[in-house]
Amino acid sequence: MLLPDLTDLAQIRAEEMTVYCNRKRPGDVDWDTVLIENGFRYSYAAQNIAAGSNTPTGTFGQFMRSEGHRLNLEGENFTHIGIGYRYDPNAGRYYYFWTMILAVCVDGAGQPDVRDGEYYPTRARGDANADTVINAADATYILTHASELAVGVSVGTSKGLRESADLNGDGRVDAVDASALLSYIAAAGVDPNVTIDSFVW
């Protein structure tokens, strides 16, 4: 679950990376001191950092190609996440800096904790890949998901994906949804007032 407090701390780390692009913080101190110094309660936390990509999708790809970063994403039962981003054209050769902090949040007694302001990011209908733009990449995302299911690959379907990609509301995210989305995208290029509902059957 995205947590504003944790996002604030991830933002600190992203900004620090523009002057010290390293897993540690400036001064060569451990990255998690940003949590400790700000009184953030947790039982376990991990950090993913990346530089150079100018999109969330590209950055996620960097994480998934790195064994350590991928294990952070697939590993512990993290309860919350914070994401920081900083663009600095004067910061060496990378320009784009990303930080993800994953944490298991606990209360003062060490029990699982619900934090103020936590939320699941919502996606617009049709934004299957959650990049805030509805285009052919979303249809590709849907088709990839459907083809993996068709060949027996175990693919989890998140609530966000179902709500954004199951355009006809039949409980499945499949080629029918991708076809409707592609038809909508083509029509929207000609008529910006067209709606997805016109292409759902």
Protein backbone atom coordinates (compact mmCIF):
# COMPACT_ATOMS: atom_id res chain seq x y z
CA MET A 1 0.00 0.00 0.00
CA LEU A 2 1.36 3.41 -0.91
CA LEU A 3 2.10 5.50 2.16
CA PRO A 4 2.60 9.29 1.98
CA ASP A 5 5.03 9.38 4.95
CA LEU A 6 7.17 6.70 3.33
CA THR A 7 6.98 8.50 -0.02
CA ASP A 8 8.32 11.64 1.67
CA LEU A 9 11.33 9.66 2.91
CA ALA A 10 11.84 8.03 -0.49
CA GLN A 11 11.80 11.54 -1.97
CA ILE A 12 14.61 12.57 0.38
CA ARG A 13 16.64 9.62 -0.89
CA ALA A 14 15.91 10.46 -4.54
CA GLU A 15 17.13 14.01 -4.00
CA GLU A 16 20.23 12.76 -2.18
CA MET A 17 21.03 10.55 -5.16
CA THR A 18 21.51 13.60 -7.38
CA VAL A 19 24.64 14.41 -5.35
CA TYR A 20 25.62 10.88 -4.23
CA CYS A 21 24.27 8.17 -6.52
CA ASN A 22 24.82 5.26 -4.19
CA ARG A 23 22.90 2.75 -2.09
CA LYS A 24 24.15 4.69 0.91
CA ARG A 25 23.46 8.29 1.82
CA PRO A 26 25.85 11.24 1.48
CA GLY A 27 28.59 10.78 4.04
CA ASP A 28 28.56 7.06 3.24
CA VAL A 29 26.01 6.30 5.98
CA ASP A 30 23.46 3.49 5.70
CA TRP A 31 20.37 4.30 3.64
CA ASP A 32 17.94 3.32 6.41
CA THR A 33 19.09 6.19 8.62
CA VAL A 34 16.55 8.26 6.69
CA LEU A 35 13.86 6.13 8.39
CA ILE A 36 15.47 6.21 11.82
CA GLU A 37 16.16 9.95 11.82
CA ASN A 38 12.53 10.68 10.95
CA GLY A 39 11.02 8.34 13.55
CA PHE A 40 9.51 5.94 11.03
CA ARG A 41 8.47 2.71 12.79
CA TYR A 42 9.13 -0.54 10.95
CA SER A 43 10.26 -4.09 11.59
CA TYR A 44 11.94 -4.59 8.22
CA ALA A 45 12.68 -2.36 5.24
CA ALA A 46 14.43 -2.51 1.88
CA GLN A 47 15.46 0.07 -0.67
CA ASN A 48 15.50 -0.10 -4.47
CA ILE A 49 17.28 2.67 -6.36
CA ALA A 50 17.67 3.36 -10.06
CA ALA A 51 18.98 6.13 -12.27
CA GLY A 52 18.77 7.00 -15.94
CA SER A 53 15.24 6.03 -16.96
CA ASN A 54 12.73 8.81 -17.50
CA THR A 55 9.61 6.63 -17.00
CA PRO A 56 8.20 4.53 -14.16
CA THR A 57 7.86 1.58 -16.55
CA GLY A 58 11.52 1.77 -17.57
CA THR A 59 12.59 2.04 -13.95
CA PHE A 60 10.50 -0.97 -12.96
CA GLY A 61 12.21 -2.87 -15.76
CA GLN A 62 15.57 -1.92 -14.27
CA PHE A 63 14.43 -3.27 -10.91
CA MET A 64 13.24 -6.53 -12.41
CA ARG A 65 16.54 -7.08 -14.27
CA SER A 66 18.52 -6.69 -11.05
CA GLU A 67 18.42 -9.80 -8.89
CA GLY A 68 18.66 -7.91 -5.60
CA HIS A 69 16.00 -5.38 -6.53
CA ARG A 70 13.71 -8.10 -7.90
CA LEU A 71 14.07 -10.11 -4.69
CA ASN A 72 13.05 -7.03 -2.71
CA LEU A 73 9.90 -6.75 -4.83
CA GLU A 74 9.08 -10.47 -4.65
CA GLY A 75 10.38 -11.24 -1.18
CA GLU A 76 9.30 -10.11 2.26
CA ASN A 77 5.66 -9.49 3.14
CA PHE A 78 5.98 -5.74 2.91
CA THR A 79 2.93 -3.79 4.01
CA HIS A 80 3.77 -0.36 2.60
CA ILE A 81 5.73 1.34 -0.13
CA GLY A 82 7.05 4.83 -0.80
CA ILE A 83 8.38 6.09 -4.13
CA GLY A 84 10.62 9.08 -4.75
CA TYR A 85 11.64 10.71 -8.03
CA ARG A 86 13.95 13.56 -8.90
CA TYR A 87 14.97 15.04 -12.25
CA ASP A 88 18.18 17.07 -12.26
CA PRO A 89 19.76 17.95 -15.63
CA ASN A 90 22.91 19.04 -13.82
CA ALA A 91 23.43 15.78 -11.95
CA GLY A 92 26.05 13.92 -13.94
CA ARG A 93 25.00 11.61 -16.76
CA TYR A 94 21.81 10.12 -15.32
CA TYR A 95 19.41 13.08 -14.90
CA TYR A 96 16.57 10.85 -13.60
CA PHE A 97 16.75 9.36 -10.09
CA TRP A 98 14.27 6.94 -8.52
CA THR A 99 13.97 5.47 -5.04
CA MET A 100 11.55 2.85 -3.76
CA ILE A 101 11.37 2.05 -0.06
CA LEU A 102 9.44 -1.05 0.98
CA ALA A 103 8.63 -1.58 4.65
CA VAL A 104 6.79 -3.75 7.12
CA CYS A 105 5.08 -1.14 9.28
CA VAL A 106 4.55 -1.80 12.98
CA ASP A 107 3.09 0.16 15.87
CA GLY A 108 4.86 0.99 19.13
CA ALA A 109 4.24 -2.54 20.40
CA GLY A 110 5.67 -4.13 17.27
CA GLN A 111 2.28 -5.14 15.89
CA PRO A 112 1.13 -4.60 12.27
CA ASP A 113 0.15 -0.98 11.86
CA VAL A 114 -2.34 0.96 9.75
CA ARG A 115 -1.01 4.42 8.95
CA ASP A 116 -2.85 7.66 8.30
CA GLY A 117 -3.20 8.48 4.64
CA GLU A 118 -2.31 5.04 3.29
CA TYR A 119 -4.01 4.20 0.04
CA TYR A 120 -4.03 2.02 -3.03
CA PRO A 121 -3.35 4.13 -6.12
CA THR A 122 -6.29 4.08 -8.49
CA ARG A 123 -6.11 3.66 -12.24
CA ALA A 124 -8.29 5.22 -14.86
CA ARG A 125 -10.46 2.80 -16.80
CA GLY A 126 -8.31 1.47 -19.64
CA ASP A 127 -4.99 2.33 -17.95
CA ALA A 128 -4.03 -1.33 -17.54
CA ASN A 129 -0.31 -0.72 -17.00
CA ALA A 130 -0.89 2.14 -14.54
CA ASP A 131 1.32 4.67 -16.32
CA THR A 132 -1.50 7.30 -16.38
CA VAL A 133 -1.66 7.26 -20.20
CA ILE A 134 -4.21 5.21 -22.14
CA ASN A 135 -2.60 3.93 -25.33
CA ALA A 136 -1.67 0.77 -27.23
CA ALA A 137 0.77 -0.19 -24.47
CA ASP A 138 -2.25 -0.87 -22.24
CA ALA A 139 -3.75 -3.23 -24.84
CA THR A 140 -0.38 -4.99 -25.11
CA TYR A 141 -0.31 -5.33 -21.32
CA ILE A 142 -3.77 -6.92 -21.36
CA LEU A 143 -2.85 -9.30 -24.20
CA THR A 144 0.37 -10.34 -22.45
CA HIS A 145 -1.59 -11.06 -19.29
CA ALA A 146 -4.18 -13.07 -21.22
CA SER A 147 -1.59 -15.07 -23.16
CA GLU A 148 0.29 -15.98 -19.99
CA LEU A 149 -2.91 -17.28 -18.47
CA ALA A 150 -3.70 -19.22 -21.67
CA VAL A 151 -0.44 -21.18 -21.49
CA GLY A 152 -0.78 -21.94 -17.80
CA VAL A 153 1.53 -19.31 -16.34
CA SER A 154 0.34 -18.38 -12.86
CA VAL A 155 -0.45 -14.69 -13.04
CA GLY A 156 -1.98 -12.80 -10.16
CA THR A 157 -4.69 -10.31 -11.03
CA SER A 158 -4.66 -7.27 -8.79
CA LYS A 159 -7.77 -5.32 -7.91
CA GLY A 160 -6.30 -2.35 -9.81
CA LEU A 161 -5.81 -4.40 -12.97
CA ARG A 162 -9.33 -5.84 -12.84
CA GLU A 163 -10.91 -2.43 -12.36
CA SER A 164 -8.90 -0.73 -15.11
CA ALA A 165 -8.63 -3.51 -17.71
CA ASP A 166 -11.80 -5.59 -17.42
CA LEU A 167 -13.62 -3.15 -19.67
CA ASN A 168 -16.72 -5.27 -20.27
CA GLY A 169 -17.04 -6.28 -16.61
CA ASP A 170 -17.19 -10.03 -17.22
CA GLY A 171 -14.62 -10.83 -14.52
CA ARG A 172 -11.85 -11.62 -17.03
CA VAL A 173 -8.98 -9.54 -18.40
CA ASP A 174 -8.62 -10.90 -21.92
CA ALA A 175 -8.39 -10.24 -25.66
CA VAL A 176 -11.98 -8.95 -25.78
CA ASP A 177 -10.96 -6.13 -23.43
CA ALA A 178 -7.81 -5.44 -25.47
CA SER A 179 -9.83 -5.26 -28.69
CA ALA A 180 -12.32 -2.82 -27.19
CA LEU A 181 -9.46 -0.70 -25.86
CA LEU A 182 -7.69 -0.57 -29.24
CA SER A 183 -10.93 0.43 -30.95
CA TYR A 184 -11.42 3.20 -28.40
CA ILE A 185 -7.83 4.46 -28.79
CA ALA A 186 -8.17 4.61 -32.58
CA ALA A 187 -11.48 6.48 -32.37
CA ALA A 188 -10.21 8.86 -29.68
CA GLY A 189 -7.48 9.96 -32.08
CA VAL A 190 -10.21 11.34 -34.33
CA ASP A 191 -12.86 12.33 -31.79
CA PRO A 192 -11.61 13.30 -28.29
CA ASN A 193 -15.19 13.16 -26.96
CA VAL A 194 -15.63 9.43 -27.61
CA THR A 195 -15.89 7.15 -24.56
CA ILE A 196 -14.70 3.61 -23.88
CA ASP A 197 -18.31 2.51 -23.30
CA SER A 198 -19.00 2.95 -27.03
CA PHE A 199 -16.68 0.04 -27.79
CA VAL A 200 -17.56 -2.42 -25.04
CA TRP A 201 -19.84 -5.30 -25.94
